[in-house]
Amino acid sequence: MGKKEFENKLRAQLDQWEAEINRLRAKADVAQAEARVKYHEEIEELRVQKREAEARLDELNNAGDDAWEDMKAGMESAWKNLGDAVNKAAARFK
């Protein structure tokens, strides 16, 4: 998989997570007051992690063709962590 394909895959995953975070926010908005605060705190943490992932993706985009391979493992790890966090939050919001 080349750099562009890898970047496109990561951007598509970010878009999916953004949609999931927005869905969770909608659920949090209608939750009871006590739960709503907790849900919104969790959603904000997901947004922080997503912004960090986007920043790393921008770094990848700006990396030279030789350097991006070195960044790939770190990117995959960051994506796994964000994906796990989104999935855990989604499970708690059910």
PDB file of N, CA and C in Angstrom:
ATOM      1  N   MET A   1       0.858  -1.166   0.000  1.00  0.00           N
ATOM      2  CA  MET A   1       0.000   0.000   0.000  1.00  0.00           C
ATOM      3  C   MET A   1       0.906   1.232   0.000  1.00  0.00           C
ATOM      4  N   GLY A   2       0.655   2.123  -0.914  1.00  0.00           N
ATOM      5  CA  GLY A   2       1.437   3.341  -1.022  1.00  0.00           C
ATOM      6  C   GLY A   2       0.974   4.400  -0.026  1.00  0.00           C
ATOM      7  N   LYS A   3       1.736   5.476   0.012  1.00  0.00           N
ATOM      8  CA  LYS A   3       1.452   6.561   0.941  1.00  0.00           C
ATOM      9  C   LYS A   3       0.048   7.130   0.725  1.00  0.00           C
ATOM     10  N   LYS A   4      -0.318   7.405  -0.494  1.00  0.00           N
ATOM     11  CA  LYS A   4      -1.614   8.030  -0.773  1.00  0.00           C
ATOM     12  C   LYS A   4      -2.766   7.095  -0.385  1.00  0.00           C
ATOM     13  N   GLU A   5      -2.647   5.819  -0.704  1.00  0.00           N
ATOM     14  CA  GLU A   5      -3.686   4.863  -0.346  1.00  0.00           C
ATOM     15  C   GLU A   5      -3.826   4.758   1.170  1.00  0.00           C
ATOM     16  N   PHE A   6      -2.673   4.745   1.855  1.00  0.00           N
ATOM     17  CA  PHE A   6      -2.670   4.668   3.315  1.00  0.00           C
ATOM     18  C   PHE A   6      -3.349   5.909   3.898  1.00  0.00           C
ATOM     19  N   GLU A   7      -2.989   7.071   3.379  1.00  0.00           N
ATOM     20  CA  GLU A   7      -3.581   8.324   3.845  1.00  0.00           C
ATOM     21  C   GLU A   7      -5.089   8.339   3.591  1.00  0.00           C
ATOM     22  N   ASN A   8      -5.522   7.906   2.432  1.00  0.00           N
ATOM     23  CA  ASN A   8      -6.955   7.872   2.112  1.00  0.00           C
ATOM     24  C   ASN A   8      -7.709   6.937   3.048  1.00  0.00           C
ATOM     25  N   LYS A   9      -7.100   5.803   3.361  1.00  0.00           N
ATOM     26  CA  LYS A   9      -7.718   4.840   4.288  1.00  0.00           C
ATOM     27  C   LYS A   9      -7.901   5.483   5.665  1.00  0.00           C
ATOM     28  N   LEU A  10      -6.875   6.189   6.136  1.00  0.00           N
ATOM     29  CA  LEU A  10      -6.952   6.820   7.449  1.00  0.00           C
ATOM     30  C   LEU A  10      -7.977   7.951   7.454  1.00  0.00           C
ATOM     31  N   ARG A  11      -8.033   8.733   6.393  1.00  0.00           N
ATOM     32  CA  ARG A  11      -9.018   9.823   6.315  1.00  0.00           C
ATOM     33  C   ARG A  11     -10.448   9.269   6.309  1.00  0.00           C
ATOM     34  N   ALA A  12     -10.662   8.181   5.595  1.00  0.00           N
ATOM     35  CA  ALA A  12     -11.993   7.565   5.566  1.00  0.00           C
ATOM     36  C   ALA A  12     -12.385   7.077   6.958  1.00  0.00           C
ATOM     37  N   GLN A  13     -11.428   6.502   7.685  1.00  0.00           N
ATOM     38  CA  GLN A  13     -11.711   6.039   9.046  1.00  0.00           C
ATOM     39  C   GLN A  13     -12.025   7.212   9.956  1.00  0.00           C
ATOM     40  N   LEU A  14     -11.288   8.315   9.818  1.00  0.00           N
ATOM     41  CA  LEU A  14     -11.579   9.505  10.614  1.00  0.00           C
ATOM     42  C   LEU A  14     -12.994   9.997  10.356  1.00  0.00           C
ATOM     43  N   ASP A  15     -13.417   9.991   9.108  1.00  0.00           N
ATOM     44  CA  ASP A  15     -14.778  10.418   8.766  1.00  0.00           C
ATOM     45  C   ASP A  15     -15.815   9.529   9.439  1.00  0.00           C
ATOM     46  N   GLN A  16     -15.561   8.217   9.476  1.00  0.00           N
ATOM     47  CA  GLN A  16     -16.487   7.292  10.126  1.00  0.00           C
ATOM     48  C   GLN A  16     -16.556   7.576  11.625  1.00  0.00           C
ATOM     49  N   TRP A  17     -15.393   7.819  12.230  1.00  0.00           N
ATOM     50  CA  TRP A  17     -15.377   8.106  13.661  1.00  0.00           C
ATOM     51  C   TRP A  17     -16.052   9.430  13.968  1.00  0.00           C
ATOM     52  N   GLU A  18     -15.882  10.421  13.100  1.00  0.00           N
ATOM     53  CA  GLU A  18     -16.565  11.704  13.291  1.00  0.00           C
ATOM     54  C   GLU A  18     -18.083  11.494  13.300  1.00  0.00           C
ATOM     55  N   ALA A  19     -18.572  10.679  12.383  1.00  0.00           N
ATOM     56  CA  ALA A  19     -20.005  10.386  12.336  1.00  0.00           C
ATOM     57  C   ALA A  19     -20.452   9.682  13.618  1.00  0.00           C
ATOM     58  N   GLU A  20     -19.657   8.759  14.110  1.00  0.00           N
ATOM     59  CA  GLU A  20     -19.997   8.042  15.344  1.00  0.00           C
ATOM     60  C   GLU A  20     -19.981   8.995  16.537  1.00  0.00           C
ATOM     61  N   ILE A  21     -18.993   9.866  16.611  1.00  0.00           N
ATOM     62  CA  ILE A  21     -18.921  10.839  17.702  1.00  0.00           C
ATOM     63  C   ILE A  21     -20.146  11.748  17.669  1.00  0.00           C
ATOM     64  N   ASN A  22     -20.545  12.175  16.487  1.00  0.00           N
ATOM     65  CA  ASN A  22     -21.740  13.017  16.361  1.00  0.00           C
ATOM     66  C   ASN A  22     -22.993  12.268  16.802  1.00  0.00           C
ATOM     67  N   ARG A  23     -23.077  10.979  16.481  1.00  0.00           N
ATOM     68  CA  ARG A  23     -24.212  10.153  16.910  1.00  0.00           C
ATOM     69  C   ARG A  23     -24.237  10.049  18.438  1.00  0.00           C
ATOM     70  N   LEU A  24     -23.056   9.861  19.034  1.00  0.00           N
ATOM     71  CA  LEU A  24     -22.965   9.773  20.487  1.00  0.00           C
ATOM     72  C   LEU A  24     -23.352  11.106  21.140  1.00  0.00           C
ATOM     73  N   ARG A  25     -22.953  12.201  20.518  1.00  0.00           N
ATOM     74  CA  ARG A  25     -23.313  13.520  21.047  1.00  0.00           C
ATOM     75  C   ARG A  25     -24.835  13.695  21.053  1.00  0.00           C
ATOM     76  N   ALA A  26     -25.493  13.248  19.996  1.00  0.00           N
ATOM     77  CA  ALA A  26     -26.951  13.349  19.927  1.00  0.00           C
ATOM     78  C   ALA A  26     -27.591  12.539  21.053  1.00  0.00           C
ATOM     79  N   LYS A  27     -27.044  11.355  21.334  1.00  0.00           N
ATOM     80  CA  LYS A  27     -27.569  10.547  22.438  1.00  0.00           C
ATOM     81  C   LYS A  27     -27.320  11.240  23.776  1.00  0.00           C
ATOM     82  N   ALA A  28     -26.147  11.829  23.923  1.00  0.00           N
ATOM     83  CA  ALA A  28     -25.811  12.511  25.170  1.00  0.00           C
ATOM     84  C   ALA A  28     -26.729  13.693  25.408  1.00  0.00           C
ATOM     85  N   ASP A  29     -27.118  14.362  24.355  1.00  0.00           N
ATOM     86  CA  ASP A  29     -27.977  15.538  24.486  1.00  0.00           C
ATOM     87  C   ASP A  29     -29.342  15.210  25.078  1.00  0.00           C
ATOM     88  N   VAL A  30     -29.805  13.981  24.900  1.00  0.00           N
ATOM     89  CA  VAL A  30     -31.119  13.605  25.421  1.00  0.00           C
ATOM     90  C   VAL A  30     -31.033  12.750  26.690  1.00  0.00           C
ATOM     91  N   ALA A  31     -29.827  12.490  27.160  1.00  0.00           N
ATOM     92  CA  ALA A  31     -29.646  11.703  28.384  1.00  0.00           C
ATOM     93  C   ALA A  31     -30.063  12.527  29.596  1.00  0.00           C
ATOM     94  N   GLN A  32     -30.275  11.844  30.703  1.00  0.00           N
ATOM     95  CA  GLN A  32     -30.602  12.541  31.947  1.00  0.00           C
ATOM     96  C   GLN A  32     -29.420  13.426  32.339  1.00  0.00           C
ATOM     97  N   ALA A  33     -29.679  14.450  33.108  1.00  0.00           N
ATOM     98  CA  ALA A  33     -28.693  15.487  33.406  1.00  0.00           C
ATOM     99  C   ALA A  33     -27.353  14.937  33.907  1.00  0.00           C
ATOM    100  N   GLU A  34     -27.378  14.035  34.864  1.00  0.00           N
ATOM    101  CA  GLU A  34     -26.142  13.510  35.431  1.00  0.00           C
ATOM    102  C   GLU A  34     -25.346  12.740  34.384  1.00  0.00           C
ATOM    103  N   ALA A  35     -26.012  11.888  33.646  1.00  0.00           N
ATOM    104  CA  ALA A  35     -25.350  11.115  32.602  1.00  0.00           C
ATOM    105  C   ALA A  35     -24.881  12.021  31.469  1.00  0.00           C
ATOM    106  N   ARG A  36     -25.655  13.059  31.187  1.00  0.00           N
ATOM    107  CA  ARG A  36     -25.327  13.973  30.087  1.00  0.00           C
ATOM    108  C   ARG A  36     -23.956  14.606  30.294  1.00  0.00           C
ATOM    109  N   VAL A  37     -23.658  15.039  31.516  1.00  0.00           N
ATOM    110  CA  VAL A  37     -22.364  15.660  31.808  1.00  0.00           C
ATOM    111  C   VAL A  37     -21.238  14.667  31.548  1.00  0.00           C
ATOM    112  N   LYS A  38     -21.406  13.454  32.034  1.00  0.00           N
ATOM    113  CA  LYS A  38     -20.380  12.423  31.844  1.00  0.00           C
ATOM    114  C   LYS A  38     -20.190  12.120  30.361  1.00  0.00           C
ATOM    115  N   TYR A  39     -21.276  11.974  29.635  1.00  0.00           N
ATOM    116  CA  TYR A  39     -21.198  11.677  28.212  1.00  0.00           C
ATOM    117  C   TYR A  39     -20.494  12.800  27.451  1.00  0.00           C
ATOM    118  N   HIS A  40     -20.823  14.031  27.774  1.00  0.00           N
ATOM    119  CA  HIS A  40     -20.197  15.153  27.072  1.00  0.00           C
ATOM    120  C   HIS A  40     -18.700  15.235  27.373  1.00  0.00           C
ATOM    121  N   GLU A  41     -18.308  14.917  28.594  1.00  0.00           N
ATOM    122  CA  GLU A  41     -16.875  14.878  28.931  1.00  0.00           C
ATOM    123  C   GLU A  41     -16.171  13.812  28.101  1.00  0.00           C
ATOM    124  N   GLU A  42     -16.795  12.658  27.988  1.00  0.00           N
ATOM    125  CA  GLU A  42     -16.213  11.568  27.212  1.00  0.00           C
ATOM    126  C   GLU A  42     -16.138  11.929  25.729  1.00  0.00           C
ATOM    127  N   ILE A  43     -17.170  12.567  25.238  1.00  0.00           N
ATOM    128  CA  ILE A  43     -17.180  12.975  23.828  1.00  0.00           C
ATOM    129  C   ILE A  43     -16.081  14.006  23.567  1.00  0.00           C
ATOM    130  N   GLU A  44     -15.886  14.924  24.491  1.00  0.00           N
ATOM    131  CA  GLU A  44     -14.827  15.924  24.315  1.00  0.00           C
ATOM    132  C   GLU A  44     -13.464  15.251  24.268  1.00  0.00           C
ATOM    133  N   GLU A  45     -13.257  14.244  25.096  1.00  0.00           N
ATOM    134  CA  GLU A  45     -11.987  13.507  25.061  1.00  0.00           C
ATOM    135  C   GLU A  45     -11.811  12.812  23.707  1.00  0.00           C
ATOM    136  N   LEU A  46     -12.890  12.256  23.170  1.00  0.00           N
ATOM    137  CA  LEU A  46     -12.804  11.645  21.839  1.00  0.00           C
ATOM    138  C   LEU A  46     -12.443  12.688  20.793  1.00  0.00           C
ATOM    139  N   ARG A  47     -13.018  13.854  20.896  1.00  0.00           N
ATOM    140  CA  ARG A  47     -12.708  14.927  19.938  1.00  0.00           C
ATOM    141  C   ARG A  47     -11.241  15.351  20.043  1.00  0.00           C
ATOM    142  N   VAL A  48     -10.708  15.404  21.261  1.00  0.00           N
ATOM    143  CA  VAL A  48      -9.290  15.732  21.445  1.00  0.00           C
ATOM    144  C   VAL A  48      -8.425  14.669  20.768  1.00  0.00           C
ATOM    145  N   GLN A  49      -8.742  13.410  21.003  1.00  0.00           N
ATOM    146  CA  GLN A  49      -7.982  12.329  20.373  1.00  0.00           C
ATOM    147  C   GLN A  49      -8.099  12.393  18.854  1.00  0.00           C
ATOM    148  N   LYS A  50      -9.279  12.732  18.355  1.00  0.00           N
ATOM    149  CA  LYS A  50      -9.474  12.821  16.907  1.00  0.00           C
ATOM    150  C   LYS A  50      -8.642  13.959  16.328  1.00  0.00           C
ATOM    151  N   ARG A  51      -8.627  15.108  17.030  1.00  0.00           N
ATOM    152  CA  ARG A  51      -7.811  16.230  16.547  1.00  0.00           C
ATOM    153  C   ARG A  51      -6.329  15.857  16.515  1.00  0.00           C
ATOM    154  N   GLU A  52      -5.877  15.123  17.526  1.00  0.00           N
ATOM    155  CA  GLU A  52      -4.488  14.671  17.555  1.00  0.00           C
ATOM    156  C   GLU A  52      -4.208  13.727  16.381  1.00  0.00           C
ATOM    157  N   ALA A  53      -5.158  12.844  16.104  1.00  0.00           N
ATOM    158  CA  ALA A  53      -4.998  11.929  14.971  1.00  0.00           C
ATOM    159  C   ALA A  53      -4.963  12.700  13.658  1.00  0.00           C
ATOM    160  N   GLU A  54      -5.799  13.720  13.537  1.00  0.00           N
ATOM    161  CA  GLU A  54      -5.787  14.544  12.326  1.00  0.00           C
ATOM    162  C   GLU A  54      -4.452  15.251  12.162  1.00  0.00           C
ATOM    163  N   ALA A  55      -3.867  15.731  13.269  1.00  0.00           N
ATOM    164  CA  ALA A  55      -2.571  16.398  13.208  1.00  0.00           C
ATOM    165  C   ALA A  55      -1.495  15.426  12.738  1.00  0.00           C
ATOM    166  N   ARG A  56      -1.554  14.200  13.231  1.00  0.00           N
ATOM    167  CA  ARG A  56      -0.578  13.191  12.785  1.00  0.00           C
ATOM    168  C   ARG A  56      -0.774  12.867  11.311  1.00  0.00           C
ATOM    169  N   LEU A  57      -2.022  12.861  10.880  1.00  0.00           N
ATOM    170  CA  LEU A  57      -2.298  12.600   9.468  1.00  0.00           C
ATOM    171  C   LEU A  57      -1.749  13.728   8.599  1.00  0.00           C
ATOM    172  N   ASP A  58      -1.864  14.949   9.080  1.00  0.00           N
ATOM    173  CA  ASP A  58      -1.281  16.078   8.358  1.00  0.00           C
ATOM    174  C   ASP A  58       0.236  15.944   8.279  1.00  0.00           C
ATOM    175  N   GLU A  59       0.853  15.493   9.367  1.00  0.00           N
ATOM    176  CA  GLU A  59       2.301  15.250   9.351  1.00  0.00           C
ATOM    177  C   GLU A  59       2.655  14.211   8.295  1.00  0.00           C
ATOM    178  N   LEU A  60       1.848  13.162   8.234  1.00  0.00           N
ATOM    179  CA  LEU A  60       2.072  12.118   7.234  1.00  0.00           C
ATOM    180  C   LEU A  60       1.957  12.703   5.836  1.00  0.00           C
ATOM    181  N   ASN A  61       0.947  13.524   5.628  1.00  0.00           N
ATOM    182  CA  ASN A  61       0.731  14.138   4.322  1.00  0.00           C
ATOM    183  C   ASN A  61       1.928  14.981   3.907  1.00  0.00           C
ATOM    184  N   ASN A  62       2.544  15.663   4.873  1.00  0.00           N
ATOM    185  CA  ASN A  62       3.673  16.535   4.584  1.00  0.00           C
ATOM    186  C   ASN A  62       5.008  15.805   4.553  1.00  0.00           C
ATOM    187  N   ALA A  63       5.014  14.559   4.982  1.00  0.00           N
ATOM    188  CA  ALA A  63       6.252  13.784   5.015  1.00  0.00           C
ATOM    189  C   ALA A  63       6.670  13.409   3.598  1.00  0.00           C
ATOM    190  N   GLY A  64       7.945  13.340   3.416  1.00  0.00           N
ATOM    191  CA  GLY A  64       8.472  12.897   2.132  1.00  0.00           C
ATOM    192  C   GLY A  64       8.171  11.426   1.912  1.00  0.00           C
ATOM    193  N   ASP A  65       8.312  11.003   0.674  1.00  0.00           N
ATOM    194  CA  ASP A  65       8.017   9.614   0.337  1.00  0.00           C
ATOM    195  C   ASP A  65       8.879   8.632   1.116  1.00  0.00           C
ATOM    196  N   ASP A  66      10.086   9.027   1.483  1.00  0.00           N
ATOM    197  CA  ASP A  66      10.957   8.132   2.241  1.00  0.00           C
ATOM    198  C   ASP A  66      10.561   8.073   3.716  1.00  0.00           C
ATOM    199  N   ALA A  67      10.117   9.188   4.266  1.00  0.00           N
ATOM    200  CA  ALA A  67       9.842   9.269   5.702  1.00  0.00           C
ATOM    201  C   ALA A  67       8.510   8.654   6.096  1.00  0.00           C
ATOM    202  N   TRP A  68       7.547   8.591   5.202  1.00  0.00           N
ATOM    203  CA  TRP A  68       6.213   8.155   5.606  1.00  0.00           C
ATOM    204  C   TRP A  68       6.212   6.714   6.073  1.00  0.00           C
ATOM    205  N   GLU A  69       7.055   5.875   5.509  1.00  0.00           N
ATOM    206  CA  GLU A  69       7.127   4.469   5.939  1.00  0.00           C
ATOM    207  C   GLU A  69       7.513   4.377   7.411  1.00  0.00           C
ATOM    208  N   ASP A  70       8.418   5.285   7.835  1.00  0.00           N
ATOM    209  CA  ASP A  70       8.837   5.296   9.243  1.00  0.00           C
ATOM    210  C   ASP A  70       7.684   5.715  10.161  1.00  0.00           C
ATOM    211  N   MET A  71       6.766   6.505   9.655  1.00  0.00           N
ATOM    212  CA  MET A  71       5.644   7.009  10.442  1.00  0.00           C
ATOM    213  C   MET A  71       4.473   6.027  10.487  1.00  0.00           C
ATOM    214  N   LYS A  72       4.455   5.072   9.600  1.00  0.00           N
ATOM    215  CA  LYS A  72       3.297   4.195   9.425  1.00  0.00           C
ATOM    216  C   LYS A  72       2.922   3.445  10.706  1.00  0.00           C
ATOM    217  N   ALA A  73       3.886   2.853  11.378  1.00  0.00           N
ATOM    218  CA  ALA A  73       3.588   2.070  12.585  1.00  0.00           C
ATOM    219  C   ALA A  73       2.974   2.957  13.676  1.00  0.00           C
ATOM    220  N   GLY A  74       3.524   4.154  13.859  1.00  0.00           N
ATOM    221  CA  GLY A  74       2.973   5.073  14.853  1.00  0.00           C
ATOM    222  C   GLY A  74       1.563   5.495  14.509  1.00  0.00           C
ATOM    223  N   MET A  75       1.320   5.712  13.224  1.00  0.00           N
ATOM    224  CA  MET A  75      -0.018   6.097  12.782  1.00  0.00           C
ATOM    225  C   MET A  75      -1.015   4.977  13.045  1.00  0.00           C
ATOM    226  N   GLU A  76      -0.624   3.758  12.715  1.00  0.00           N
ATOM    227  CA  GLU A  76      -1.525   2.625  12.934  1.00  0.00           C
ATOM    228  C   GLU A  76      -1.847   2.455  14.412  1.00  0.00           C
ATOM    229  N   SER A  77      -0.862   2.681  15.268  1.00  0.00           N
ATOM    230  CA  SER A  77      -1.084   2.579  16.711  1.00  0.00           C
ATOM    231  C   SER A  77      -2.042   3.672  17.191  1.00  0.00           C
ATOM    232  N   ALA A  78      -1.845   4.888  16.727  1.00  0.00           N
ATOM    233  CA  ALA A  78      -2.730   5.995  17.110  1.00  0.00           C
ATOM    234  C   ALA A  78      -4.152   5.728  16.639  1.00  0.00           C
ATOM    235  N   TRP A  79      -4.280   5.188  15.438  1.00  0.00           N
ATOM    236  CA  TRP A  79      -5.617   4.892  14.900  1.00  0.00           C
ATOM    237  C   TRP A  79      -6.290   3.800  15.708  1.00  0.00           C
ATOM    238  N   LYS A  80      -5.532   2.791  16.105  1.00  0.00           N
ATOM    239  CA  LYS A  80      -6.115   1.716  16.908  1.00  0.00           C
ATOM    240  C   LYS A  80      -6.605   2.272  18.240  1.00  0.00           C
ATOM    241  N   ASN A  81      -5.805   3.122  18.874  1.00  0.00           N
ATOM    242  CA  ASN A  81      -6.199   3.701  20.159  1.00  0.00           C
ATOM    243  C   ASN A  81      -7.467   4.524  20.031  1.00  0.00           C
ATOM    244  N   LEU A  82      -7.563   5.352  18.996  1.00  0.00           N
ATOM    245  CA  LEU A  82      -8.759   6.163  18.797  1.00  0.00           C
ATOM    246  C   LEU A  82      -9.964   5.280  18.494  1.00  0.00           C
ATOM    247  N   GLY A  83      -9.763   4.279  17.658  1.00  0.00           N
ATOM    248  CA  GLY A  83     -10.855   3.358  17.337  1.00  0.00           C
ATOM    249  C   GLY A  83     -11.367   2.630  18.566  1.00  0.00           C
ATOM    250  N   ASP A  84     -10.454   2.184  19.405  1.00  0.00           N
ATOM    251  CA  ASP A  84     -10.848   1.508  20.643  1.00  0.00           C
ATOM    252  C   ASP A  84     -11.647   2.451  21.547  1.00  0.00           C
ATOM    253  N   ALA A  85     -11.205   3.706  21.649  1.00  0.00           N
ATOM    254  CA  ALA A  85     -11.899   4.681  22.489  1.00  0.00           C
ATOM    255  C   ALA A  85     -13.304   4.959  21.968  1.00  0.00           C
ATOM    256  N   VAL A  86     -13.449   5.100  20.664  1.00  0.00           N
ATOM    257  CA  VAL A  86     -14.776   5.340  20.074  1.00  0.00           C
ATOM    258  C   VAL A  86     -15.677   4.134  20.322  1.00  0.00           C
ATOM    259  N   ASN A  87     -15.147   2.933  20.120  1.00  0.00           N
ATOM    260  CA  ASN A  87     -15.949   1.727  20.330  1.00  0.00           C
ATOM    261  C   ASN A  87     -16.381   1.566  21.788  1.00  0.00           C
ATOM    262  N   LYS A  88     -15.478   1.877  22.732  1.00  0.00           N
ATOM    263  CA  LYS A  88     -15.833   1.784  24.154  1.00  0.00           C
ATOM    264  C   LYS A  88     -16.934   2.790  24.495  1.00  0.00           C
ATOM    265  N   ALA A  89     -16.782   3.994  23.985  1.00  0.00           N
ATOM    266  CA  ALA A  89     -17.808   5.019  24.259  1.00  0.00           C
ATOM    267  C   ALA A  89     -19.138   4.603  23.657  1.00  0.00           C
ATOM    268  N   ALA A  90     -19.122   4.085  22.462  1.00  0.00           N
ATOM    269  CA  ALA A  90     -20.367   3.664  21.807  1.00  0.00           C
ATOM    270  C   ALA A  90     -21.039   2.556  22.622  1.00  0.00           C
ATOM    271  N   ALA A  91     -20.247   1.649  23.173  1.00  0.00           N
ATOM    272  CA  ALA A  91     -20.818   0.551  23.963  1.00  0.00           C
ATOM    273  C   ALA A  91     -21.468   1.086  25.245  1.00  0.00           C
ATOM    274  N   ARG A  92     -20.870   2.110  25.852  1.00  0.00           N
ATOM    275  CA  ARG A  92     -21.433   2.668  27.085  1.00  0.00           C
ATOM    276  C   ARG A  92     -22.689   3.497  26.819  1.00  0.00           C
ATOM    277  N   PHE A  93     -22.835   4.008  25.633  1.00  0.00           N
ATOM    278  CA  PHE A  93     -23.959   4.870  25.319  1.00  0.00           C
ATOM    279  C   PHE A  93     -25.201   4.080  24.901  1.00  0.00           C
ATOM    280  N   LYS A  94     -25.099   2.785  24.824  1.00  0.00           N
ATOM    281  CA  LYS A  94     -26.238   1.980  24.356  1.00  0.00           C
ATOM    282  C   LYS A  94     -27.299   1.877  25.398  1.00  0.00           C
TER     283      LYS A  94
END
